[in-house]
Amino acid sequence: MLASVSDRRGFTVADLAIEQALNQLHPQVVGSPATVAGHLEHLFRGEAADGFVVFPALHHSSFEDFVSGVVPELQRRGVFRSAYTGATLRDHLRA
C-alpha cells in the first residue's frame, strides 16, 4: 500500500515517512463509551472543538462501536443531537 501511494504521488522515502506519521499521530481516545464521551464532551464544552472527525481504531466495526456506544452517551449528556430540526443540510448546520 505504501509503495503504491509513493509511486502515485511521487513521494520520496522521507515524504512517505512524514505523510504516514501525520496520519497516525492524531490524538487517539480509547476506553469505554463513557470515557471517550467524557473526553469529547470536555473538548466541546471547553470550546476547544465544535466537531470531530472519527477514524476507526481497528476495524470498520469501530464505527459501529462508536455509534452504538459513544453517541448515545453524548446524547445523554446533551452534547449530541438526538433529532434533526430541519429538512435541509443548511437547516442542520444552523443548529
PDB file of N, CA and C in Angstrom:
ATOM      1  N   MET A   1       0.825  -1.183   0.000  1.00  0.00           N
ATOM      2  CA  MET A   1       0.000   0.000   0.000  1.00  0.00           C
ATOM      3  C   MET A   1       0.873   1.251   0.000  1.00  0.00           C
ATOM      4  N   LEU A   2       1.887   1.267   0.858  1.00  0.00           N
ATOM      5  CA  LEU A   2       2.758   2.445   0.932  1.00  0.00           C
ATOM      6  C   LEU A   2       3.518   2.653  -0.364  1.00  0.00           C
ATOM      7  N   ALA A   3       3.977   1.566  -0.973  1.00  0.00           N
ATOM      8  CA  ALA A   3       4.681   1.680  -2.259  1.00  0.00           C
ATOM      9  C   ALA A   3       3.758   2.243  -3.328  1.00  0.00           C
ATOM     10  N   SER A   4       2.508   1.808  -3.325  1.00  0.00           N
ATOM     11  CA  SER A   4       1.532   2.305  -4.301  1.00  0.00           C
ATOM     12  C   SER A   4       1.293   3.805  -4.128  1.00  0.00           C
ATOM     13  N   VAL A   5       1.114   4.236  -2.883  1.00  0.00           N
ATOM     14  CA  VAL A   5       0.923   5.662  -2.602  1.00  0.00           C
ATOM     15  C   VAL A   5       2.153   6.442  -3.020  1.00  0.00           C
ATOM     16  N   SER A   6       3.315   5.917  -2.694  1.00  0.00           N
ATOM     17  CA  SER A   6       4.571   6.578  -3.033  1.00  0.00           C
ATOM     18  C   SER A   6       4.710   6.738  -4.541  1.00  0.00           C
ATOM     19  N   ASP A   7       4.425   5.683  -5.290  1.00  0.00           N
ATOM     20  CA  ASP A   7       4.505   5.746  -6.751  1.00  0.00           C
ATOM     21  C   ASP A   7       3.504   6.740  -7.325  1.00  0.00           C
ATOM     22  N   ARG A   8       2.286   6.685  -6.828  1.00  0.00           N
ATOM     23  CA  ARG A   8       1.215   7.534  -7.348  1.00  0.00           C
ATOM     24  C   ARG A   8       1.488   9.008  -7.093  1.00  0.00           C
ATOM     25  N   ARG A   9       2.027   9.326  -5.926  1.00  0.00           N
ATOM     26  CA  ARG A   9       2.254  10.725  -5.551  1.00  0.00           C
ATOM     27  C   ARG A   9       3.686  11.192  -5.783  1.00  0.00           C
ATOM     28  N   GLY A  10       4.542  10.292  -6.183  1.00  0.00           N
ATOM     29  CA  GLY A  10       5.931  10.664  -6.403  1.00  0.00           C
ATOM     30  C   GLY A  10       6.674  10.991  -5.120  1.00  0.00           C
ATOM     31  N   PHE A  11       6.332  10.309  -4.035  1.00  0.00           N
ATOM     32  CA  PHE A  11       6.952  10.568  -2.738  1.00  0.00           C
ATOM     33  C   PHE A  11       8.345   9.969  -2.659  1.00  0.00           C
ATOM     34  N   THR A  12       9.223  10.660  -1.981  1.00  0.00           N
ATOM     35  CA  THR A  12      10.483  10.069  -1.566  1.00  0.00           C
ATOM     36  C   THR A  12      10.209   9.256  -0.301  1.00  0.00           C
ATOM     37  N   VAL A  13      11.196   8.524   0.165  1.00  0.00           N
ATOM     38  CA  VAL A  13      11.033   7.776   1.408  1.00  0.00           C
ATOM     39  C   VAL A  13      10.754   8.747   2.555  1.00  0.00           C
ATOM     40  N   ALA A  14      11.440   9.881   2.575  1.00  0.00           N
ATOM     41  CA  ALA A  14      11.214  10.886   3.628  1.00  0.00           C
ATOM     42  C   ALA A  14       9.794  11.444   3.553  1.00  0.00           C
ATOM     43  N   ASP A  15       9.310  11.742   2.339  1.00  0.00           N
ATOM     44  CA  ASP A  15       7.938  12.240   2.174  1.00  0.00           C
ATOM     45  C   ASP A  15       6.929  11.220   2.698  1.00  0.00           C
ATOM     46  N   LEU A  16       7.166   9.974   2.355  1.00  0.00           N
ATOM     47  CA  LEU A  16       6.261   8.912   2.782  1.00  0.00           C
ATOM     48  C   LEU A  16       6.256   8.768   4.295  1.00  0.00           C
ATOM     49  N   ALA A  17       7.418   8.861   4.918  1.00  0.00           N
ATOM     50  CA  ALA A  17       7.507   8.764   6.378  1.00  0.00           C
ATOM     51  C   ALA A  17       6.753   9.910   7.041  1.00  0.00           C
ATOM     52  N   ILE A  18       6.895  11.103   6.517  1.00  0.00           N
ATOM     53  CA  ILE A  18       6.189  12.266   7.081  1.00  0.00           C
ATOM     54  C   ILE A  18       4.685  12.106   6.916  1.00  0.00           C
ATOM     55  N   GLU A  19       4.255  11.711   5.725  1.00  0.00           N
ATOM     56  CA  GLU A  19       2.819  11.514   5.469  1.00  0.00           C
ATOM     57  C   GLU A  19       2.238  10.466   6.411  1.00  0.00           C
ATOM     58  N   GLN A  20       2.932   9.364   6.571  1.00  0.00           N
ATOM     59  CA  GLN A  20       2.465   8.287   7.448  1.00  0.00           C
ATOM     60  C   GLN A  20       2.384   8.765   8.889  1.00  0.00           C
ATOM     61  N   ALA A  21       3.403   9.496   9.329  1.00  0.00           N
ATOM     62  CA  ALA A  21       3.413   9.996  10.709  1.00  0.00           C
ATOM     63  C   ALA A  21       2.269  10.965  10.944  1.00  0.00           C
ATOM     64  N   LEU A  22       2.009  11.851   9.999  1.00  0.00           N
ATOM     65  CA  LEU A  22       0.929  12.818  10.165  1.00  0.00           C
ATOM     66  C   LEU A  22      -0.427  12.132  10.250  1.00  0.00           C
ATOM     67  N   ASN A  23      -0.574  11.029   9.561  1.00  0.00           N
ATOM     68  CA  ASN A  23      -1.843  10.311   9.581  1.00  0.00           C
ATOM     69  C   ASN A  23      -2.021   9.468  10.835  1.00  0.00           C
ATOM     70  N   GLN A  24      -0.959   9.194  11.559  1.00  0.00           N
ATOM     71  CA  GLN A  24      -1.068   8.334  12.727  1.00  0.00           C
ATOM     72  C   GLN A  24      -0.833   9.051  14.041  1.00  0.00           C
ATOM     73  N   LEU A  25      -0.416  10.295  13.994  1.00  0.00           N
ATOM     74  CA  LEU A  25      -0.063  10.980  15.227  1.00  0.00           C
ATOM     75  C   LEU A  25      -1.173  11.875  15.761  1.00  0.00           C
ATOM     76  N   HIS A  26      -2.387  11.621  15.347  1.00  0.00           N
ATOM     77  CA  HIS A  26      -3.522  12.353  15.901  1.00  0.00           C
ATOM     78  C   HIS A  26      -3.827  11.778  17.280  1.00  0.00           C
ATOM     79  N   PRO A  27      -4.352  12.607  18.164  1.00  0.00           N
ATOM     80  CA  PRO A  27      -4.729  12.057  19.478  1.00  0.00           C
ATOM     81  C   PRO A  27      -5.730  10.917  19.304  1.00  0.00           C
ATOM     82  N   GLN A  28      -5.521   9.849  20.022  1.00  0.00           N
ATOM     83  CA  GLN A  28      -6.422   8.712  19.955  1.00  0.00           C
ATOM     84  C   GLN A  28      -7.026   8.494  21.334  1.00  0.00           C
ATOM     85  N   VAL A  29      -8.318   8.647  21.405  1.00  0.00           N
ATOM     86  CA  VAL A  29      -9.038   8.465  22.660  1.00  0.00           C
ATOM     87  C   VAL A  29      -9.540   7.032  22.683  1.00  0.00           C
ATOM     88  N   VAL A  30      -9.178   6.309  23.714  1.00  0.00           N
ATOM     89  CA  VAL A  30      -9.607   4.920  23.835  1.00  0.00           C
ATOM     90  C   VAL A  30     -10.219   4.702  25.208  1.00  0.00           C
ATOM     91  N   GLY A  31     -11.062   3.694  25.308  1.00  0.00           N
ATOM     92  CA  GLY A  31     -11.681   3.363  26.579  1.00  0.00           C
ATOM     93  C   GLY A  31     -13.135   3.019  26.385  1.00  0.00           C
ATOM     94  N   SER A  32     -13.838   3.018  27.485  1.00  0.00           N
ATOM     95  CA  SER A  32     -15.266   2.712  27.453  1.00  0.00           C
ATOM     96  C   SER A  32     -16.001   3.852  26.751  1.00  0.00           C
ATOM     97  N   PRO A  33     -17.246   3.604  26.329  1.00  0.00           N
ATOM     98  CA  PRO A  33     -18.016   4.693  25.736  1.00  0.00           C
ATOM     99  C   PRO A  33     -18.097   5.925  26.651  1.00  0.00           C
ATOM    100  N   ALA A  34     -18.229   5.708  27.953  1.00  0.00           N
ATOM    101  CA  ALA A  34     -18.299   6.841  28.890  1.00  0.00           C
ATOM    102  C   ALA A  34     -16.980   7.607  28.926  1.00  0.00           C
ATOM    103  N   THR A  35     -15.862   6.903  28.850  1.00  0.00           N
ATOM    104  CA  THR A  35     -14.549   7.555  28.859  1.00  0.00           C
ATOM    105  C   THR A  35     -14.348   8.387  27.602  1.00  0.00           C
ATOM    106  N   VAL A  36     -14.646   7.803  26.460  1.00  0.00           N
ATOM    107  CA  VAL A  36     -14.492   8.526  25.191  1.00  0.00           C
ATOM    108  C   VAL A  36     -15.448   9.718  25.155  1.00  0.00           C
ATOM    109  N   ALA A  37     -16.695   9.508  25.541  1.00  0.00           N
ATOM    110  CA  ALA A  37     -17.672  10.595  25.561  1.00  0.00           C
ATOM    111  C   ALA A  37     -17.234  11.706  26.508  1.00  0.00           C
ATOM    112  N   GLY A  38     -16.675  11.335  27.638  1.00  0.00           N
ATOM    113  CA  GLY A  38     -16.201  12.339  28.595  1.00  0.00           C
ATOM    114  C   GLY A  38     -15.100  13.204  28.011  1.00  0.00           C
ATOM    115  N   HIS A  39     -14.177  12.591  27.291  1.00  0.00           N
ATOM    116  CA  HIS A  39     -13.089  13.356  26.671  1.00  0.00           C
ATOM    117  C   HIS A  39     -13.632  14.304  25.595  1.00  0.00           C
ATOM    118  N   LEU A  40     -14.512  13.788  24.750  1.00  0.00           N
ATOM    119  CA  LEU A  40     -15.089  14.617  23.698  1.00  0.00           C
ATOM    120  C   LEU A  40     -15.941  15.737  24.290  1.00  0.00           C
ATOM    121  N   GLU A  41     -16.694  15.429  25.324  1.00  0.00           N
ATOM    122  CA  GLU A  41     -17.515  16.452  25.982  1.00  0.00           C
ATOM    123  C   GLU A  41     -16.627  17.547  26.569  1.00  0.00           C
ATOM    124  N   HIS A  42     -15.534  17.167  27.192  1.00  0.00           N
ATOM    125  CA  HIS A  42     -14.604  18.140  27.776  1.00  0.00           C
ATOM    126  C   HIS A  42     -14.082  19.097  26.696  1.00  0.00           C
ATOM    127  N   LEU A  43     -13.670  18.566  25.563  1.00  0.00           N
ATOM    128  CA  LEU A  43     -13.178  19.408  24.469  1.00  0.00           C
ATOM    129  C   LEU A  43     -14.282  20.314  23.935  1.00  0.00           C
ATOM    130  N   PHE A  44     -15.482  19.749  23.771  1.00  0.00           N
ATOM    131  CA  PHE A  44     -16.604  20.508  23.224  1.00  0.00           C
ATOM    132  C   PHE A  44     -17.035  21.634  24.176  1.00  0.00           C
ATOM    133  N   ARG A  45     -17.249  21.309  25.427  1.00  0.00           N
ATOM    134  CA  ARG A  45     -17.703  22.320  26.394  1.00  0.00           C
ATOM    135  C   ARG A  45     -16.621  23.365  26.673  1.00  0.00           C
ATOM    136  N   GLY A  46     -15.364  22.981  26.540  1.00  0.00           N
ATOM    137  CA  GLY A  46     -14.266  23.929  26.717  1.00  0.00           C
ATOM    138  C   GLY A  46     -14.001  24.760  25.475  1.00  0.00           C
ATOM    139  N   GLU A  47     -14.855  24.590  24.459  1.00  0.00           N
ATOM    140  CA  GLU A  47     -14.767  25.304  23.189  1.00  0.00           C
ATOM    141  C   GLU A  47     -13.434  25.062  22.482  1.00  0.00           C
ATOM    142  N   ALA A  48     -12.850  23.891  22.729  1.00  0.00           N
ATOM    143  CA  ALA A  48     -11.627  23.507  22.032  1.00  0.00           C
ATOM    144  C   ALA A  48     -11.964  22.818  20.709  1.00  0.00           C
ATOM    145  N   ALA A  49     -13.233  22.471  20.518  1.00  0.00           N
ATOM    146  CA  ALA A  49     -13.674  21.810  19.291  1.00  0.00           C
ATOM    147  C   ALA A  49     -15.163  22.043  19.110  1.00  0.00           C
ATOM    148  N   ASP A  50     -15.572  22.116  17.857  1.00  0.00           N
ATOM    149  CA  ASP A  50     -17.009  22.218  17.599  1.00  0.00           C
ATOM    150  C   ASP A  50     -17.498  21.023  16.784  1.00  0.00           C
ATOM    151  N   GLY A  51     -16.605  20.071  16.590  1.00  0.00           N
ATOM    152  CA  GLY A  51     -16.944  18.846  15.880  1.00  0.00           C
ATOM    153  C   GLY A  51     -15.727  17.944  15.867  1.00  0.00           C
ATOM    154  N   PHE A  52     -15.922  16.725  15.428  1.00  0.00           N
ATOM    155  CA  PHE A  52     -14.845  15.749  15.438  1.00  0.00           C
ATOM    156  C   PHE A  52     -14.887  14.915  14.171  1.00  0.00           C
ATOM    157  N   VAL A  53     -13.728  14.503  13.720  1.00  0.00           N
ATOM    158  CA  VAL A  53     -13.608  13.538  12.639  1.00  0.00           C
ATOM    159  C   VAL A  53     -13.215  12.225  13.291  1.00  0.00           C
ATOM    160  N   VAL A  54     -14.018  11.209  13.079  1.00  0.00           N
ATOM    161  CA  VAL A  54     -13.812   9.928  13.743  1.00  0.00           C
ATOM    162  C   VAL A  54     -13.197   8.944  12.751  1.00  0.00           C
ATOM    163  N   PHE A  55     -12.085   8.356  13.139  1.00  0.00           N
ATOM    164  CA  PHE A  55     -11.421   7.330  12.346  1.00  0.00           C
ATOM    165  C   PHE A  55     -11.547   5.998  13.074  1.00  0.00           C
ATOM    166  N   PRO A  56     -11.663   4.898  12.342  1.00  0.00           N
ATOM    167  CA  PRO A  56     -11.744   3.606  13.025  1.00  0.00           C
ATOM    168  C   PRO A  56     -10.428   3.274  13.711  1.00  0.00           C
ATOM    169  N   ALA A  57     -10.512   2.781  14.918  1.00  0.00           N
ATOM    170  CA  ALA A  57      -9.305   2.429  15.669  1.00  0.00           C
ATOM    171  C   ALA A  57      -8.699   1.135  15.153  1.00  0.00           C
ATOM    172  N   LEU A  58      -9.512   0.146  14.914  1.00  0.00           N
ATOM    173  CA  LEU A  58      -9.004  -1.158  14.489  1.00  0.00           C
ATOM    174  C   LEU A  58      -9.628  -1.616  13.179  1.00  0.00           C
ATOM    175  N   HIS A  59     -10.908  -1.666  13.151  1.00  0.00           N
ATOM    176  CA  HIS A  59     -11.649  -2.177  12.003  1.00  0.00           C
ATOM    177  C   HIS A  59     -12.816  -1.237  11.747  1.00  0.00           C
ATOM    178  N   HIS A  60     -13.478  -1.438  10.634  1.00  0.00           N
ATOM    179  CA  HIS A  60     -14.657  -0.617  10.367  1.00  0.00           C
ATOM    180  C   HIS A  60     -15.737  -0.834  11.422  1.00  0.00           C
ATOM    181  N   SER A  61     -15.666  -1.946  12.149  1.00  0.00           N
ATOM    182  CA  SER A  61     -16.637  -2.172  13.222  1.00  0.00           C
ATOM    183  C   SER A  61     -16.471  -1.139  14.335  1.00  0.00           C
ATOM    184  N   SER A  62     -15.319  -0.463  14.369  1.00  0.00           N
ATOM    185  CA  SER A  62     -15.116   0.592  15.369  1.00  0.00           C
ATOM    186  C   SER A  62     -16.148   1.700  15.198  1.00  0.00           C
ATOM    187  N   PHE A  63     -16.562   1.958  13.954  1.00  0.00           N
ATOM    188  CA  PHE A  63     -17.607   2.956  13.723  1.00  0.00           C
ATOM    189  C   PHE A  63     -18.900   2.508  14.388  1.00  0.00           C
ATOM    190  N   GLU A  64     -19.222   1.243  14.227  1.00  0.00           N
ATOM    191  CA  GLU A  64     -20.437   0.705  14.854  1.00  0.00           C
ATOM    192  C   GLU A  64     -20.349   0.828  16.368  1.00  0.00           C
ATOM    193  N   ASP A  65     -19.180   0.529  16.925  1.00  0.00           N
ATOM    194  CA  ASP A  65     -18.990   0.660  18.370  1.00  0.00           C
ATOM    195  C   ASP A  65     -19.180   2.106  18.807  1.00  0.00           C
ATOM    196  N   PHE A  66     -18.666   3.031  18.018  1.00  0.00           N
ATOM    197  CA  PHE A  66     -18.788   4.453  18.340  1.00  0.00           C
ATOM    198  C   PHE A  66     -20.259   4.884  18.308  1.00  0.00           C
ATOM    199  N   VAL A  67     -20.943   4.495  17.238  1.00  0.00           N
ATOM    200  CA  VAL A  67     -22.346   4.895  17.074  1.00  0.00           C
ATOM    201  C   VAL A  67     -23.240   4.255  18.124  1.00  0.00           C
ATOM    202  N   SER A  68     -22.993   3.006  18.444  1.00  0.00           N
ATOM    203  CA  SER A  68     -23.878   2.328  19.398  1.00  0.00           C
ATOM    204  C   SER A  68     -23.496   2.585  20.854  1.00  0.00           C
ATOM    205  N   GLY A  69     -22.276   3.032  21.117  1.00  0.00           N
ATOM    206  CA  GLY A  69     -21.848   3.254  22.495  1.00  0.00           C
ATOM    207  C   GLY A  69     -21.608   4.698  22.858  1.00  0.00           C
ATOM    208  N   VAL A  70     -20.789   5.383  22.070  1.00  0.00           N
ATOM    209  CA  VAL A  70     -20.403   6.754  22.414  1.00  0.00           C
ATOM    210  C   VAL A  70     -21.507   7.762  22.084  1.00  0.00           C
ATOM    211  N   VAL A  71     -22.113   7.628  20.921  1.00  0.00           N
ATOM    212  CA  VAL A  71     -23.146   8.596  20.530  1.00  0.00           C
ATOM    213  C   VAL A  71     -24.297   8.635  21.539  1.00  0.00           C
ATOM    214  N   PRO A  72     -24.863   7.509  21.973  1.00  0.00           N
ATOM    215  CA  PRO A  72     -25.930   7.589  22.977  1.00  0.00           C
ATOM    216  C   PRO A  72     -25.468   8.254  24.281  1.00  0.00           C
ATOM    217  N   GLU A  73     -24.210   8.031  24.648  1.00  0.00           N
ATOM    218  CA  GLU A  73     -23.679   8.663  25.860  1.00  0.00           C
ATOM    219  C   GLU A  73     -23.562  10.173  25.668  1.00  0.00           C
ATOM    220  N   LEU A  74     -23.117  10.602  24.507  1.00  0.00           N
ATOM    221  CA  LEU A  74     -23.048  12.039  24.220  1.00  0.00           C
ATOM    222  C   LEU A  74     -24.445  12.652  24.194  1.00  0.00           C
ATOM    223  N   GLN A  75     -25.408  11.923  23.651  1.00  0.00           N
ATOM    224  CA  GLN A  75     -26.792  12.413  23.640  1.00  0.00           C
ATOM    225  C   GLN A  75     -27.326  12.532  25.055  1.00  0.00           C
ATOM    226  N   ARG A  76     -27.034  11.551  25.891  1.00  0.00           N
ATOM    227  CA  ARG A  76     -27.485  11.602  27.290  1.00  0.00           C
ATOM    228  C   ARG A  76     -26.913  12.823  27.998  1.00  0.00           C
ATOM    229  N   ARG A  77     -25.691  13.189  27.638  1.00  0.00           N
ATOM    230  CA  ARG A  77     -25.028  14.346  28.251  1.00  0.00           C
ATOM    231  C   ARG A  77     -25.450  15.666  27.620  1.00  0.00           C
ATOM    232  N   GLY A  78     -26.244  15.602  26.559  1.00  0.00           N
ATOM    233  CA  GLY A  78     -26.758  16.809  25.928  1.00  0.00           C
ATOM    234  C   GLY A  78     -25.788  17.511  24.985  1.00  0.00           C
ATOM    235  N   VAL A  79     -24.792  16.786  24.476  1.00  0.00           N
ATOM    236  CA  VAL A  79     -23.829  17.422  23.575  1.00  0.00           C
ATOM    237  C   VAL A  79     -23.862  16.840  22.165  1.00  0.00           C
ATOM    238  N   PHE A  80     -24.829  15.989  21.892  1.00  0.00           N
ATOM    239  CA  PHE A  80     -25.002  15.438  20.548  1.00  0.00           C
ATOM    240  C   PHE A  80     -26.492  15.366  20.284  1.00  0.00           C
ATOM    241  N   ARG A  81     -26.909  15.903  19.170  1.00  0.00           N
ATOM    242  CA  ARG A  81     -28.347  15.958  18.878  1.00  0.00           C
ATOM    243  C   ARG A  81     -28.970  14.571  18.809  1.00  0.00           C
ATOM    244  N   SER A  82     -30.224  14.518  19.172  1.00  0.00           N
ATOM    245  CA  SER A  82     -30.982  13.267  19.110  1.00  0.00           C
ATOM    246  C   SER A  82     -31.907  13.242  17.903  1.00  0.00           C
ATOM    247  N   ALA A  83     -32.147  14.419  17.347  1.00  0.00           N
ATOM    248  CA  ALA A  83     -33.024  14.528  16.183  1.00  0.00           C
ATOM    249  C   ALA A  83     -32.612  15.758  15.388  1.00  0.00           C
ATOM    250  N   TYR A  84     -32.965  15.760  14.143  1.00  0.00           N
ATOM    251  CA  TYR A  84     -32.704  16.925  13.290  1.00  0.00           C
ATOM    252  C   TYR A  84     -33.933  17.804  13.285  1.00  0.00           C
ATOM    253  N   THR A  85     -33.708  19.110  13.327  1.00  0.00           N
ATOM    254  CA  THR A  85     -34.826  20.040  13.411  1.00  0.00           C
ATOM    255  C   THR A  85     -35.291  20.533  12.051  1.00  0.00           C
ATOM    256  N   GLY A  86     -34.482  20.399  11.032  1.00  0.00           N
ATOM    257  CA  GLY A  86     -34.845  20.883   9.710  1.00  0.00           C
ATOM    258  C   GLY A  86     -34.885  19.778   8.689  1.00  0.00           C
ATOM    259  N   ALA A  87     -35.070  20.201   7.456  1.00  0.00           N
ATOM    260  CA  ALA A  87     -35.166  19.232   6.375  1.00  0.00           C
ATOM    261  C   ALA A  87     -33.981  19.313   5.414  1.00  0.00           C
ATOM    262  N   THR A  88     -33.145  20.333   5.566  1.00  0.00           N
ATOM    263  CA  THR A  88     -32.027  20.511   4.643  1.00  0.00           C
ATOM    264  C   THR A  88     -30.707  20.546   5.410  1.00  0.00           C
ATOM    265  N   LEU A  89     -29.609  20.369   4.689  1.00  0.00           N
ATOM    266  CA  LEU A  89     -28.294  20.472   5.300  1.00  0.00           C
ATOM    267  C   LEU A  89     -28.096  21.858   5.898  1.00  0.00           C
ATOM    268  N   ARG A  90     -28.546  22.872   5.213  1.00  0.00           N
ATOM    269  CA  ARG A  90     -28.432  24.243   5.723  1.00  0.00           C
ATOM    270  C   ARG A  90     -29.143  24.375   7.071  1.00  0.00           C
ATOM    271  N   ASP A  91     -30.310  23.785   7.193  1.00  0.00           N
ATOM    272  CA  ASP A  91     -31.037  23.810   8.471  1.00  0.00           C
ATOM    273  C   ASP A  91     -30.221  23.116   9.565  1.00  0.00           C
ATOM    274  N   HIS A  92     -29.625  21.999   9.229  1.00  0.00           N
ATOM    275  CA  HIS A  92     -28.869  21.219  10.205  1.00  0.00           C
ATOM    276  C   HIS A  92     -27.619  21.957  10.667  1.00  0.00           C
ATOM    277  N   LEU A  93     -26.969  22.653   9.764  1.00  0.00           N
ATOM    278  CA  LEU A  93     -25.740  23.365  10.115  1.00  0.00           C
ATOM    279  C   LEU A  93     -26.004  24.594  10.958  1.00  0.00           C
ATOM    280  N   ARG A  94     -27.190  25.116  10.928  1.00  0.00           N
ATOM    281  CA  ARG A  94     -27.549  26.278  11.757  1.00  0.00           C
ATOM    282  C   ARG A  94     -27.808  25.878  13.196  1.00  0.00           C
ATOM    283  N   ALA A  95     -28.081  24.615  13.433  1.00  0.00           N
ATOM    284  CA  ALA A  95     -28.455  24.155  14.775  1.00  0.00           C
ATOM    285  C   ALA A  95     -27.296  24.252  15.731  1.00  0.00           C
TER     286      ALA A  95
END
